[in-house]
C-alpha cells in the first residue's frame, strides 16, 4: 500500500476567494493583540513596582527614628522624663583589632585511651 499513489489521484482543492487575505488579516490582528497585552503587562508591573517603592519610601512607620545619645542630654535633665539611651557601636574597629592579632587555632583531641564522661569538647 503506497499512500502517495492514492494522493496523486485526488484532485487539488482550491481555497475560497479571499481566504488567504482573511487568514493574514486575522494573524495580523492576533499579533497586534499580543503586543498590546505584553505592553499592558509591562506597564502594570512597572506601576506596581512604582507603588511599592512609593509606599516604602514615604511610609512613616518604616522610617528610622533618630538615635539619641548621652551627649545630647542636658546635665539638669527633667524629672520623671524617660530617656532612652542608645549608643552606636563601631564594630569596624573591633574587626580591625581582631584581624591584626595573630590567629590561633586550637585542636582538641582526646589524650587518654579511656573514655572520660566529664570532659566535653
PDB file of N, CA and C in Angstrom:
ATOM      1  N   UNK A   1       0.831  -1.178   0.000  1.00  0.00           N
ATOM      2  CA  UNK A   1       0.000   0.000   0.000  1.00  0.00           C
ATOM      3  C   UNK A   1       0.875   1.240   0.000  1.00  0.00           C
ATOM      4  N   UNK A   2       0.751   1.968  -1.024  1.00  0.00           N
ATOM      5  CA  UNK A   2       1.519   3.193  -1.171  1.00  0.00           C
ATOM      6  C   UNK A   2       0.568   4.381  -1.086  1.00  0.00           C
ATOM      7  N   UNK A   3       0.622   5.159   0.004  1.00  0.00           N
ATOM      8  CA  UNK A   3      -0.329   6.271   0.153  1.00  0.00           C
ATOM      9  C   UNK A   3      -0.107   7.372  -0.879  1.00  0.00           C
ATOM     10  N   UNK A   4       1.106   7.544  -1.355  1.00  0.00           N
ATOM     11  CA  UNK A   4       1.360   8.600  -2.336  1.00  0.00           C
ATOM     12  C   UNK A   4       0.636   8.312  -3.647  1.00  0.00           C
ATOM     13  N   UNK A   5       0.473   7.062  -3.966  1.00  0.00           N
ATOM     14  CA  UNK A   5      -0.218   6.694  -5.199  1.00  0.00           C
ATOM     15  C   UNK A   5      -1.682   7.134  -5.135  1.00  0.00           C
ATOM     16  N   UNK A   6      -2.310   6.999  -3.967  1.00  0.00           N
ATOM     17  CA  UNK A   6      -3.710   7.405  -3.821  1.00  0.00           C
ATOM     18  C   UNK A   6      -3.835   8.926  -3.760  1.00  0.00           C
ATOM     19  N   UNK A   7      -2.858   9.575  -3.147  1.00  0.00           N
ATOM     20  CA  UNK A   7      -2.923  11.029  -3.037  1.00  0.00           C
ATOM     21  C   UNK A   7      -2.731  11.703  -4.394  1.00  0.00           C
ATOM     22  N   UNK A   8      -1.961  11.110  -5.262  1.00  0.00           N
ATOM     23  CA  UNK A   8      -1.741  11.683  -6.600  1.00  0.00           C
ATOM     24  C   UNK A   8      -3.016  11.659  -7.422  1.00  0.00           C
ATOM     25  N   UNK A   9      -3.871  10.714  -7.164  1.00  0.00           N
ATOM     26  CA  UNK A   9      -5.098  10.586  -7.942  1.00  0.00           C
ATOM     27  C   UNK A   9      -6.178  11.582  -7.520  1.00  0.00           C
ATOM     28  N   UNK A  10      -6.027  12.162  -6.338  1.00  0.00           N
ATOM     29  CA  UNK A  10      -7.037  13.117  -5.856  1.00  0.00           C
ATOM     30  C   UNK A  10      -6.872  14.465  -6.548  1.00  0.00           C
ATOM     31  N   UNK A  11      -8.003  15.144  -6.689  1.00  0.00           N
ATOM     32  CA  UNK A  11      -7.965  16.485  -7.289  1.00  0.00           C
ATOM     33  C   UNK A  11      -7.478  17.489  -6.249  1.00  0.00           C
ATOM     34  N   UNK A  12      -6.809  18.540  -6.709  1.00  0.00           N
ATOM     35  CA  UNK A  12      -6.342  19.600  -5.805  1.00  0.00           C
ATOM     36  C   UNK A  12      -7.523  20.472  -5.405  1.00  0.00           C
ATOM     37  N   UNK A  13      -7.552  20.832  -4.160  1.00  0.00           N
ATOM     38  CA  UNK A  13      -8.628  21.670  -3.641  1.00  0.00           C
ATOM     39  C   UNK A  13      -8.148  23.114  -3.645  1.00  0.00           C
ATOM     40  N   UNK A  14      -9.006  23.994  -4.075  1.00  0.00           N
ATOM     41  CA  UNK A  14      -8.646  25.412  -4.078  1.00  0.00           C
ATOM     42  C   UNK A  14      -9.388  26.108  -2.950  1.00  0.00           C
ATOM     43  N   UNK A  15      -8.725  27.078  -2.371  1.00  0.00           N
ATOM     44  CA  UNK A  15      -9.322  27.841  -1.268  1.00  0.00           C
ATOM     45  C   UNK A  15     -10.358  28.802  -1.844  1.00  0.00           C
ATOM     46  N   UNK A  16     -11.353  29.135  -1.030  1.00  0.00           N
ATOM     47  CA  UNK A  16     -12.349  30.101  -1.494  1.00  0.00           C
ATOM     48  C   UNK A  16     -11.700  31.460  -1.774  1.00  0.00           C
ATOM     49  N   UNK A  17     -12.378  32.261  -2.526  1.00  0.00           N
ATOM     50  CA  UNK A  17     -11.842  33.578  -2.878  1.00  0.00           C
ATOM     51  C   UNK A  17     -11.708  34.424  -1.608  1.00  0.00           C
ATOM     52  N   UNK A  18     -10.575  35.059  -1.444  1.00  0.00           N
ATOM     53  CA  UNK A  18     -10.339  35.938  -0.303  1.00  0.00           C
ATOM     54  C   UNK A  18      -9.919  35.211   0.974  1.00  0.00           C
ATOM     55  N   UNK A  19      -9.765  33.893   0.924  1.00  0.00           N
ATOM     56  CA  UNK A  19      -9.416  33.114   2.121  1.00  0.00           C
ATOM     57  C   UNK A  19      -8.043  33.519   2.661  1.00  0.00           C
ATOM     58  N   UNK A  20      -7.080  33.657   1.771  1.00  0.00           N
ATOM     59  CA  UNK A  20      -5.717  33.999   2.195  1.00  0.00           C
ATOM     60  C   UNK A  20      -5.684  35.381   2.845  1.00  0.00           C
ATOM     61  N   UNK A  21      -6.410  36.331   2.293  1.00  0.00           N
ATOM     62  CA  UNK A  21      -6.438  37.681   2.866  1.00  0.00           C
ATOM     63  C   UNK A  21      -7.077  37.673   4.251  1.00  0.00           C
ATOM     64  N   UNK A  22      -8.151  36.883   4.425  1.00  0.00           N
ATOM     65  CA  UNK A  22      -8.821  36.806   5.733  1.00  0.00           C
ATOM     66  C   UNK A  22      -7.886  36.189   6.774  1.00  0.00           C
ATOM     67  N   UNK A  23      -7.181  35.132   6.402  1.00  0.00           N
ATOM     68  CA  UNK A  23      -6.269  34.472   7.333  1.00  0.00           C
ATOM     69  C   UNK A  23      -5.132  35.413   7.723  1.00  0.00           C
ATOM     70  N   UNK A  24      -4.538  36.081   6.751  1.00  0.00           N
ATOM     71  CA  UNK A  24      -3.445  37.006   7.060  1.00  0.00           C
ATOM     72  C   UNK A  24      -3.926  38.181   7.909  1.00  0.00           C
ATOM     73  N   UNK A  25      -5.146  38.638   7.687  1.00  0.00           N
ATOM     74  CA  UNK A  25      -5.706  39.719   8.497  1.00  0.00           C
ATOM     75  C   UNK A  25      -5.887  39.265   9.944  1.00  0.00           C
ATOM     76  N   UNK A  26      -6.411  38.055  10.130  1.00  0.00           N
ATOM     77  CA  UNK A  26      -6.579  37.530  11.491  1.00  0.00           C
ATOM     78  C   UNK A  26      -5.238  37.340  12.203  1.00  0.00           C
ATOM     79  N   UNK A  27      -4.237  36.854  11.470  1.00  0.00           N
ATOM     80  CA  UNK A  27      -2.905  36.670  12.053  1.00  0.00           C
ATOM     81  C   UNK A  27      -2.347  38.016  12.493  1.00  0.00           C
ATOM     82  N   UNK A  28      -2.502  39.041  11.654  1.00  0.00           N
ATOM     83  CA  UNK A  28      -2.018  40.386  11.975  1.00  0.00           C
ATOM     84  C   UNK A  28      -2.748  40.944  13.207  1.00  0.00           C
ATOM     85  N   UNK A  29      -4.073  40.730  13.277  1.00  0.00           N
ATOM     86  CA  UNK A  29      -4.849  41.205  14.424  1.00  0.00           C
ATOM     87  C   UNK A  29      -4.416  40.499  15.713  1.00  0.00           C
ATOM     88  N   UNK A  30      -4.179  39.202  15.634  1.00  0.00           N
ATOM     89  CA  UNK A  30      -3.729  38.462  16.817  1.00  0.00           C
ATOM     90  C   UNK A  30      -2.350  38.945  17.276  1.00  0.00           C
ATOM     91  N   UNK A  31      -1.474  39.246  16.328  1.00  0.00           N
ATOM     92  CA  UNK A  31      -0.142  39.736  16.681  1.00  0.00           C
ATOM     93  C   UNK A  31      -0.243  41.096  17.364  1.00  0.00           C
ATOM     94  N   UNK A  32      -1.096  41.975  16.832  1.00  0.00           N
ATOM     95  CA  UNK A  32      -1.292  43.292  17.451  1.00  0.00           C
ATOM     96  C   UNK A  32      -1.865  43.139  18.850  1.00  0.00           C
ATOM     97  N   UNK A  33      -2.795  42.204  19.023  1.00  0.00           N
ATOM     98  CA  UNK A  33      -3.410  41.972  20.326  1.00  0.00           C
ATOM     99  C   UNK A  33      -2.369  41.460  21.331  1.00  0.00           C
ATOM    100  N   UNK A  34      -1.471  40.562  20.888  1.00  0.00           N
ATOM    101  CA  UNK A  34      -0.419  40.050  21.772  1.00  0.00           C
ATOM    102  C   UNK A  34       0.542  41.158  22.192  1.00  0.00           C
ATOM    103  N   UNK A  35       0.893  42.041  21.235  1.00  0.00           N
ATOM    104  CA  UNK A  35       1.803  43.145  21.548  1.00  0.00           C
ATOM    105  C   UNK A  35       1.145  44.087  22.558  1.00  0.00           C
ATOM    106  N   UNK A  36      -0.141  44.394  22.375  1.00  0.00           N
ATOM    107  CA  UNK A  36      -0.852  45.265  23.319  1.00  0.00           C
ATOM    108  C   UNK A  36      -0.917  44.622  24.700  1.00  0.00           C
ATOM    109  N   UNK A  37      -1.184  43.332  24.749  1.00  0.00           N
ATOM    110  CA  UNK A  37      -1.252  42.630  26.027  1.00  0.00           C
ATOM    111  C   UNK A  37       0.099  42.635  26.726  1.00  0.00           C
ATOM    112  N   UNK A  38       1.177  42.421  25.976  1.00  0.00           N
ATOM    113  CA  UNK A  38       2.526  42.437  26.548  1.00  0.00           C
ATOM    114  C   UNK A  38       2.850  43.828  27.094  1.00  0.00           C
ATOM    115  N   UNK A  39       2.493  44.877  26.353  1.00  0.00           N
ATOM    116  CA  UNK A  39       2.730  46.244  26.823  1.00  0.00           C
ATOM    117  C   UNK A  39       1.935  46.516  28.092  1.00  0.00           C
ATOM    118  N   UNK A  40       0.698  46.036  28.137  1.00  0.00           N
ATOM    119  CA  UNK A  40      -0.134  46.221  29.319  1.00  0.00           C
ATOM    120  C   UNK A  40       0.481  45.507  30.525  1.00  0.00           C
ATOM    121  N   UNK A  41       0.986  44.299  30.311  1.00  0.00           N
ATOM    122  CA  UNK A  41       1.624  43.565  31.410  1.00  0.00           C
ATOM    123  C   UNK A  41       2.833  44.318  31.948  1.00  0.00           C
ATOM    124  N   UNK A  42       3.686  44.822  31.055  1.00  0.00           N
ATOM    125  CA  UNK A  42       4.867  45.559  31.495  1.00  0.00           C
ATOM    126  C   UNK A  42       4.476  46.855  32.192  1.00  0.00           C
ATOM    127  N   UNK A  43       3.480  47.537  31.703  1.00  0.00           N
ATOM    128  CA  UNK A  43       3.074  48.789  32.333  1.00  0.00           C
ATOM    129  C   UNK A  43       2.471  48.529  33.714  1.00  0.00           C
ATOM    130  N   UNK A  44       1.693  47.455  33.859  1.00  0.00           N
ATOM    131  CA  UNK A  44       1.134  47.124  35.169  1.00  0.00           C
ATOM    132  C   UNK A  44       2.235  46.707  36.149  1.00  0.00           C
ATOM    133  N   UNK A  45       3.222  45.973  35.658  1.00  0.00           N
ATOM    134  CA  UNK A  45       4.346  45.584  36.523  1.00  0.00           C
ATOM    135  C   UNK A  45       5.135  46.819  36.959  1.00  0.00           C
ATOM    136  N   UNK A  46       5.355  47.751  36.055  1.00  0.00           N
ATOM    137  CA  UNK A  46       6.055  48.990  36.402  1.00  0.00           C
ATOM    138  C   UNK A  46       5.264  49.830  37.385  1.00  0.00           C
ATOM    139  N   UNK A  47       3.936  49.893  37.186  1.00  0.00           N
ATOM    140  CA  UNK A  47       3.098  50.658  38.111  1.00  0.00           C
ATOM    141  C   UNK A  47       3.114  50.023  39.503  1.00  0.00           C
ATOM    142  N   UNK A  48       3.069  48.707  39.572  1.00  0.00           N
ATOM    143  CA  UNK A  48       3.118  48.023  40.864  1.00  0.00           C
ATOM    144  C   UNK A  48       4.469  48.272  41.556  1.00  0.00           C
ATOM    145  N   UNK A  49       5.555  48.219  40.795  1.00  0.00           N
ATOM    146  CA  UNK A  49       6.877  48.469  41.371  1.00  0.00           C
ATOM    147  C   UNK A  49       6.984  49.913  41.860  1.00  0.00           C
ATOM    148  N   UNK A  50       6.440  50.847  41.100  1.00  0.00           N
ATOM    149  CA  UNK A  50       6.462  52.251  41.495  1.00  0.00           C
ATOM    150  C   UNK A  50       5.626  52.471  42.744  1.00  0.00           C
ATOM    151  N   UNK A  51       4.470  51.836  42.828  1.00  0.00           N
ATOM    152  CA  UNK A  51       3.608  51.955  44.001  1.00  0.00           C
ATOM    153  C   UNK A  51       4.296  51.375  45.238  1.00  0.00           C
ATOM    154  N   UNK A  52       4.914  50.219  45.098  1.00  0.00           N
ATOM    155  CA  UNK A  52       5.625  49.604  46.216  1.00  0.00           C
ATOM    156  C   UNK A  52       6.794  50.472  46.669  1.00  0.00           C
ATOM    157  N   UNK A  53       7.519  51.035  45.728  1.00  0.00           N
ATOM    158  CA  UNK A  53       8.632  51.922  46.063  1.00  0.00           C
ATOM    159  C   UNK A  53       8.119  53.159  46.795  1.00  0.00           C
ATOM    160  N   UNK A  54       7.020  53.714  46.321  1.00  0.00           N
ATOM    161  CA  UNK A  54       6.440  54.875  46.987  1.00  0.00           C
ATOM    162  C   UNK A  54       6.000  54.558  48.396  1.00  0.00           C
ATOM    163  N   UNK A  55       5.409  53.391  48.596  1.00  0.00           N
ATOM    164  CA  UNK A  55       4.988  53.002  49.941  1.00  0.00           C
ATOM    165  C   UNK A  55       6.192  52.841  50.853  1.00  0.00           C
ATOM    166  N   UNK A  56       7.247  52.216  50.353  1.00  0.00           N
ATOM    167  CA  UNK A  56       8.436  52.005  51.176  1.00  0.00           C
ATOM    168  C   UNK A  56       9.144  53.312  51.500  1.00  0.00           C
ATOM    169  N   UNK A  57       9.176  54.235  50.537  1.00  0.00           N
ATOM    170  CA  UNK A  57       9.892  55.492  50.754  1.00  0.00           C
ATOM    171  C   UNK A  57       9.102  56.431  51.655  1.00  0.00           C
ATOM    172  N   UNK A  58       7.815  56.557  51.421  1.00  0.00           N
ATOM    173  CA  UNK A  58       7.025  57.559  52.121  1.00  0.00           C
ATOM    174  C   UNK A  58       6.250  57.029  53.323  1.00  0.00           C
ATOM    175  N   UNK A  59       6.409  55.795  53.673  1.00  0.00           N
ATOM    176  CA  UNK A  59       5.692  55.230  54.810  1.00  0.00           C
ATOM    177  C   UNK A  59       6.310  55.743  56.105  1.00  0.00           C
ATOM    178  N   UNK A  60       5.518  56.366  56.980  1.00  0.00           N
ATOM    179  CA  UNK A  60       6.096  56.907  58.220  1.00  0.00           C
ATOM    180  C   UNK A  60       6.487  55.817  59.213  1.00  0.00           C
ATOM    181  N   UNK A  61       5.873  54.652  59.155  1.00  0.00           N
ATOM    182  CA  UNK A  61       6.202  53.582  60.091  1.00  0.00           C
ATOM    183  C   UNK A  61       7.535  52.930  59.807  1.00  0.00           C
ATOM    184  N   UNK A  62       8.035  53.078  58.583  1.00  0.00           N
ATOM    185  CA  UNK A  62       9.283  52.414  58.211  1.00  0.00           C
ATOM    186  C   UNK A  62      10.498  53.318  58.318  1.00  0.00           C
ATOM    187  N   UNK A  63      10.280  54.584  58.647  1.00  0.00           N
ATOM    188  CA  UNK A  63      11.421  55.497  58.762  1.00  0.00           C
ATOM    189  C   UNK A  63      12.179  55.224  60.045  1.00  0.00           C
ATOM    190  N   UNK A  64      13.474  55.425  59.965  1.00  0.00           N
ATOM    191  CA  UNK A  64      14.307  55.210  61.137  1.00  0.00           C
ATOM    192  C   UNK A  64      14.172  56.401  62.079  1.00  0.00           C
ATOM    193  N   UNK A  65      14.039  56.115  63.351  1.00  0.00           N
ATOM    194  CA  UNK A  65      13.967  57.200  64.327  1.00  0.00           C
ATOM    195  C   UNK A  65      15.385  57.685  64.603  1.00  0.00           C
ATOM    196  N   UNK A  66      15.533  58.959  64.929  1.00  0.00           N
ATOM    197  CA  UNK A  66      16.880  59.462  65.216  1.00  0.00           C
ATOM    198  C   UNK A  66      17.438  58.799  66.467  1.00  0.00           C
ATOM    199  N   UNK A  67      18.719  58.547  66.454  1.00  0.00           N
ATOM    200  CA  UNK A  67      19.370  57.873  67.569  1.00  0.00           C
ATOM    201  C   UNK A  67      19.720  58.920  68.612  1.00  0.00           C
ATOM    202  N   UNK A  68      19.274  58.706  69.831  1.00  0.00           N
ATOM    203  CA  UNK A  68      19.616  59.640  70.910  1.00  0.00           C
ATOM    204  C   UNK A  68      20.846  59.115  71.628  1.00  0.00           C
ATOM    205  N   UNK A  69      21.741  60.030  71.975  1.00  0.00           N
ATOM    206  CA  UNK A  69      22.964  59.661  72.679  1.00  0.00           C
ATOM    207  C   UNK A  69      23.046  60.406  73.994  1.00  0.00           C
ATOM    208  N   UNK A  70      23.954  59.995  74.826  1.00  0.00           N
ATOM    209  CA  UNK A  70      24.143  60.647  76.117  1.00  0.00           C
ATOM    210  C   UNK A  70      24.670  62.056  75.912  1.00  0.00           C
ATOM    211  N   UNK A  71      25.420  62.312  74.851  1.00  0.00           N
ATOM    212  CA  UNK A  71      25.991  63.622  74.604  1.00  0.00           C
ATOM    213  C   UNK A  71      24.906  64.669  74.369  1.00  0.00           C
ATOM    214  N   UNK A  72      23.755  64.256  73.913  1.00  0.00           N
ATOM    215  CA  UNK A  72      22.682  65.199  73.632  1.00  0.00           C
ATOM    216  C   UNK A  72      21.855  65.555  74.852  1.00  0.00           C
ATOM    217  N   UNK A  73      22.136  65.008  76.038  1.00  0.00           N
ATOM    218  CA  UNK A  73      21.365  65.276  77.243  1.00  0.00           C
ATOM    219  C   UNK A  73      21.923  66.485  77.976  1.00  0.00           C
ATOM    220  N   UNK A  74      21.035  67.243  78.549  1.00  0.00           N
ATOM    221  CA  UNK A  74      21.478  68.362  79.387  1.00  0.00           C
ATOM    222  C   UNK A  74      21.778  67.821  80.788  1.00  0.00           C
ATOM    223  N   UNK A  75      22.706  68.448  81.521  1.00  0.00           N
ATOM    224  CA  UNK A  75      23.045  67.935  82.840  1.00  0.00           C
ATOM    225  C   UNK A  75      21.887  68.040  83.839  1.00  0.00           C
ATOM    226  N   UNK A  76      21.019  69.042  83.650  1.00  0.00           N
ATOM    227  CA  UNK A  76      19.905  69.196  84.589  1.00  0.00           C
ATOM    228  C   UNK A  76      18.891  68.090  84.386  1.00  0.00           C
ATOM    229  N   UNK A  77      18.484  67.899  83.170  1.00  0.00           N
ATOM    230  CA  UNK A  77      17.506  66.865  82.861  1.00  0.00           C
ATOM    231  C   UNK A  77      16.150  67.180  83.470  1.00  0.00           C
ATOM    232  N   UNK A  78      15.109  66.575  82.996  1.00  0.00           N
ATOM    233  CA  UNK A  78      13.775  66.778  83.524  1.00  0.00           C
ATOM    234  C   UNK A  78      13.425  65.581  84.394  1.00  0.00           C
ATOM    235  N   UNK A  79      12.822  65.848  85.516  1.00  0.00           N
ATOM    236  CA  UNK A  79      12.438  64.779  86.431  1.00  0.00           C
ATOM    237  C   UNK A  79      11.230  64.050  85.871  1.00  0.00           C
ATOM    238  N   UNK A  80      11.242  62.751  85.967  1.00  0.00           N
ATOM    239  CA  UNK A  80      10.117  61.954  85.506  1.00  0.00           C
ATOM    240  C   UNK A  80      10.121  61.687  84.013  1.00  0.00           C
ATOM    241  N   UNK A  81      11.058  62.238  83.299  1.00  0.00           N
ATOM    242  CA  UNK A  81      11.128  62.020  81.852  1.00  0.00           C
ATOM    243  C   UNK A  81      11.950  60.762  81.586  1.00  0.00           C
ATOM    244  N   UNK A  82      11.418  59.897  80.754  1.00  0.00           N
ATOM    245  CA  UNK A  82      12.116  58.672  80.407  1.00  0.00           C
ATOM    246  C   UNK A  82      13.068  58.966  79.266  1.00  0.00           C
ATOM    247  N   UNK A  83      14.312  58.641  79.466  1.00  0.00           N
ATOM    248  CA  UNK A  83      15.329  58.872  78.440  1.00  0.00           C
ATOM    249  C   UNK A  83      15.848  57.515  77.991  1.00  0.00           C
ATOM    250  N   UNK A  84      15.723  57.255  76.709  1.00  0.00           N
ATOM    251  CA  UNK A  84      16.235  56.006  76.157  1.00  0.00           C
ATOM    252  C   UNK A  84      17.671  56.233  75.718  1.00  0.00           C
ATOM    253  N   UNK A  85      18.565  55.432  76.248  1.00  0.00           N
ATOM    254  CA  UNK A  85      19.971  55.563  75.895  1.00  0.00           C
ATOM    255  C   UNK A  85      20.337  54.502  74.874  1.00  0.00           C
ATOM    256  N   UNK A  86      20.748  54.961  73.718  1.00  0.00           N
ATOM    257  CA  UNK A  86      21.181  54.054  72.657  1.00  0.00           C
ATOM    258  C   UNK A  86      22.513  54.577  72.156  1.00  0.00           C
ATOM    259  N   UNK A  87      23.540  53.821  72.337  1.00  0.00           N
ATOM    260  CA  UNK A  87      24.865  54.198  71.871  1.00  0.00           C
ATOM    261  C   UNK A  87      25.203  53.393  70.626  1.00  0.00           C
ATOM    262  N   UNK A  88      25.644  54.063  69.574  1.00  0.00           N
ATOM    263  CA  UNK A  88      26.019  53.311  68.378  1.00  0.00           C
ATOM    264  C   UNK A  88      27.324  52.543  68.608  1.00  0.00           C
ATOM    265  N   UNK A  89      27.411  51.372  68.037  1.00  0.00           N
ATOM    266  CA  UNK A  89      28.611  50.549  68.156  1.00  0.00           C
ATOM    267  C   UNK A  89      29.422  50.647  66.872  1.00  0.00           C
ATOM    268  N   UNK A  90      30.719  50.821  67.035  1.00  0.00           N
ATOM    269  CA  UNK A  90      31.608  50.838  65.881  1.00  0.00           C
ATOM    270  C   UNK A  90      32.340  49.505  65.852  1.00  0.00           C
ATOM    271  N   UNK A  91      31.767  48.537  65.142  1.00  0.00           N
ATOM    272  CA  UNK A  91      32.360  47.202  65.102  1.00  0.00           C
ATOM    273  C   UNK A  91      33.536  47.117  64.138  1.00  0.00           C
ATOM    274  N   UNK A  92      33.695  48.127  63.277  1.00  0.00           N
ATOM    275  CA  UNK A  92      34.830  48.092  62.346  1.00  0.00           C
ATOM    276  C   UNK A  92      36.153  48.112  63.109  1.00  0.00           C
ATOM    277  N   UNK A  93      36.221  48.915  64.176  1.00  0.00           N
ATOM    278  CA  UNK A  93      37.450  48.990  64.967  1.00  0.00           C
ATOM    279  C   UNK A  93      37.754  47.633  65.603  1.00  0.00           C
ATOM    280  N   UNK A  94      36.729  46.960  66.112  1.00  0.00           N
ATOM    281  CA  UNK A  94      36.926  45.643  66.712  1.00  0.00           C
ATOM    282  C   UNK A  94      37.391  44.632  65.671  1.00  0.00           C
ATOM    283  N   UNK A  95      36.836  44.697  64.475  1.00  0.00           N
ATOM    284  CA  UNK A  95      37.233  43.763  63.421  1.00  0.00           C
ATOM    285  C   UNK A  95      38.680  44.016  63.006  1.00  0.00           C
ATOM    286  N   UNK A  96      39.091  45.291  62.923  1.00  0.00           N
ATOM    287  CA  UNK A  96      40.482  45.584  62.563  1.00  0.00           C
ATOM    288  C   UNK A  96      41.431  45.081  63.642  1.00  0.00           C
ATOM    289  N   UNK A  97      41.029  45.263  64.905  1.00  0.00           N
ATOM    290  CA  UNK A  97      41.870  44.815  66.009  1.00  0.00           C
ATOM    291  C   UNK A  97      42.003  43.290  65.981  1.00  0.00           C
ATOM    292  N   UNK A  98      40.913  42.598  65.715  1.00  0.00           N
ATOM    293  CA  UNK A  98      40.961  41.137  65.671  1.00  0.00           C
ATOM    294  C   UNK A  98      41.757  40.652  64.463  1.00  0.00           C
ATOM    295  N   UNK A  99      41.704  41.376  63.351  1.00  0.00           N
ATOM    296  CA  UNK A  99      42.423  40.953  62.154  1.00  0.00           C
ATOM    297  C   UNK A  99      43.921  41.165  62.296  1.00  0.00           C
ATOM    298  N   UNK A 100      44.332  42.178  63.082  1.00  0.00           N
ATOM    299  CA  UNK A 100      45.761  42.443  63.206  1.00  0.00           C
ATOM    300  C   UNK A 100      46.440  41.488  64.183  1.00  0.00           C
ATOM    301  N   UNK A 101      45.686  40.873  65.083  1.00  0.00           N
ATOM    302  CA  UNK A 101      46.269  39.932  66.033  1.00  0.00           C
ATOM    303  C   UNK A 101      46.562  38.604  65.341  1.00  0.00           C
ATOM    304  N   UNK A 102      47.509  37.885  65.929  1.00  0.00           N
ATOM    305  CA  UNK A 102      47.838  36.572  65.378  1.00  0.00           C
ATOM    306  C   UNK A 102      46.665  35.629  65.598  1.00  0.00           C
ATOM    307  N   UNK A 103      46.337  34.873  64.595  1.00  0.00           N
ATOM    308  CA  UNK A 103      45.217  33.947  64.694  1.00  0.00           C
ATOM    309  C   UNK A 103      45.693  32.648  65.337  1.00  0.00           C
ATOM    310  N   UNK A 104      44.918  32.128  66.279  1.00  0.00           N
ATOM    311  CA  UNK A 104      45.262  30.903  66.986  1.00  0.00           C
ATOM    312  C   UNK A 104      44.212  29.852  66.686  1.00  0.00           C
ATOM    313  N   UNK A 105      44.657  28.663  66.397  1.00  0.00           N
ATOM    314  CA  UNK A 105      43.755  27.555  66.154  1.00  0.00           C
ATOM    315  C   UNK A 105      43.983  26.519  67.238  1.00  0.00           C
ATOM    316  N   UNK A 106      42.920  26.152  67.910  1.00  0.00           N
ATOM    317  CA  UNK A 106      43.008  25.139  68.955  1.00  0.00           C
ATOM    318  C   UNK A 106      42.480  23.828  68.394  1.00  0.00           C
ATOM    319  N   UNK A 107      43.282  22.788  68.505  1.00  0.00           N
ATOM    320  CA  UNK A 107      42.866  21.463  68.066  1.00  0.00           C
ATOM    321  C   UNK A 107      42.634  20.640  69.319  1.00  0.00           C
ATOM    322  N   UNK A 108      41.411  20.214  69.512  1.00  0.00           N
ATOM    323  CA  UNK A 108      41.054  19.443  70.692  1.00  0.00           C
ATOM    324  C   UNK A 108      40.995  17.973  70.317  1.00  0.00           C
ATOM    325  N   UNK A 109      41.756  17.187  71.035  1.00  0.00           N
ATOM    326  CA  UNK A 109      41.703  15.752  70.797  1.00  0.00           C
ATOM    327  C   UNK A 109      41.821  15.035  72.136  1.00  0.00           C
ATOM    328  N   UNK A 110      41.321  13.860  72.172  1.00  0.00           N
ATOM    329  CA  UNK A 110      41.321  13.069  73.393  1.00  0.00           C
ATOM    330  C   UNK A 110      42.740  12.568  73.661  1.00  0.00           C
ATOM    331  N   UNK A 111      43.211  12.779  74.899  1.00  0.00           N
ATOM    332  CA  UNK A 111      44.580  12.419  75.238  1.00  0.00           C
ATOM    333  C   UNK A 111      44.680  10.975  75.708  1.00  0.00           C
ATOM    334  N   UNK A 112      43.752  10.518  76.516  1.00  0.00           N
ATOM    335  CA  UNK A 112      43.830   9.159  77.045  1.00  0.00           C
ATOM    336  C   UNK A 112      42.988   8.221  76.199  1.00  0.00           C
ATOM    337  N   UNK A 113      43.268   6.926  76.335  1.00  0.00           N
ATOM    338  CA  UNK A 113      42.519   5.920  75.604  1.00  0.00           C
ATOM    339  C   UNK A 113      41.192   5.607  76.280  1.00  0.00           C
ATOM    340  N   UNK A 114      41.084   5.937  77.560  1.00  0.00           N
ATOM    341  CA  UNK A 114      39.848   5.666  78.302  1.00  0.00           C
ATOM    342  C   UNK A 114      38.830   6.772  78.017  1.00  0.00           C
ATOM    343  N   UNK A 115      37.585   6.371  77.978  1.00  0.00           N
ATOM    344  CA  UNK A 115      36.514   7.336  77.748  1.00  0.00           C
ATOM    345  C   UNK A 115      36.205   8.052  79.056  1.00  0.00           C
ATOM    346  N   UNK A 116      36.278   9.374  79.056  1.00  0.00           N
ATOM    347  CA  UNK A 116      36.028  10.162  80.262  1.00  0.00           C
ATOM    348  C   UNK A 116      34.699  10.895  80.048  1.00  0.00           C
ATOM    349  N   UNK A 117      33.772  10.640  80.943  1.00  0.00           N
ATOM    350  CA  UNK A 117      32.428  11.205  80.797  1.00  0.00           C
ATOM    351  C   UNK A 117      32.382  12.674  81.144  1.00  0.00           C
ATOM    352  N   UNK A 118      33.271  13.166  82.005  1.00  0.00           N
ATOM    353  CA  UNK A 118      33.187  14.536  82.482  1.00  0.00           C
ATOM    354  C   UNK A 118      33.661  15.560  81.449  1.00  0.00           C
ATOM    355  N   UNK A 119      34.480  15.163  80.517  1.00  0.00           N
ATOM    356  CA  UNK A 119      35.039  16.106  79.561  1.00  0.00           C
ATOM    357  C   UNK A 119      34.108  16.224  78.364  1.00  0.00           C
ATOM    358  N   UNK A 120      33.803  17.448  78.031  1.00  0.00           N
ATOM    359  CA  UNK A 120      33.017  17.682  76.807  1.00  0.00           C
ATOM    360  C   UNK A 120      33.764  18.677  75.953  1.00  0.00           C
ATOM    361  N   UNK A 121      33.759  18.442  74.701  1.00  0.00           N
ATOM    362  CA  UNK A 121      34.511  19.301  73.772  1.00  0.00           C
ATOM    363  C   UNK A 121      33.563  20.279  73.124  1.00  0.00           C
TER     364      UNK A 121
END
